[in-house]
Amino acid sequence: MDEQMKRRFTETAQEKRALMYRVAYGITRSEADAEDAVSAAVEATWKRMERLRDPEALPIYLMKSTVNAARGILRKRKHTVPLETVENTLAADRQDAGIADMVAGLKEKYRLPLLLKYGEDLPEKEIAQLLRIPRGTVSSRIARGLALLRIEMKEETGHDGK
């Protein structure tokens, strides 16, 4: 691998590290596991850099590796992990902690698309690529996740959040 590719990899990994952590945390709901997933993703991507045909795809490749590493950590767990306080998964200035806690309680298939769309401002097309699911599935999971949040808000607060 040439020096330019090494430099590009380092810069991209540093630039995307916070996003990778938030995605991994959104999946694992554990700070330690999220850090492990990011480290594993960076290492796995580094080892496969020679095979990467399009250097422009490096950011999405890092994110896919992060999702895979985080899911791998979950598969290895044999016990239920308690929910931790959700930090930095939704921008604090746009969402209050109560909603973040409600999002944390959703199943991963709804939680992750919501975090990526509203917490990271990613377009649905990128979310679909990242999660390796059709764009229509992303849209429906976001809609269903929002519907579940509205139901929970109505139960907790007496209003539906509209």
Foldseek 3Di string as FASTA:
>chain_A
DDPVLVVLLVVLLVVCVVVLLLLLCLLQLDNVQSVVLLVQLSVVCVVCVVVDPDSVCSNLSSLLSSVVSSVVVVVPDPDDDDHDQDDLLAPCVVDPSVLVVVLSPDDSLLSNLLSCCHRVVDDLVSVCSSVVHDSVSSVVSPVVSLVSSQVVCCVVPVHRPD
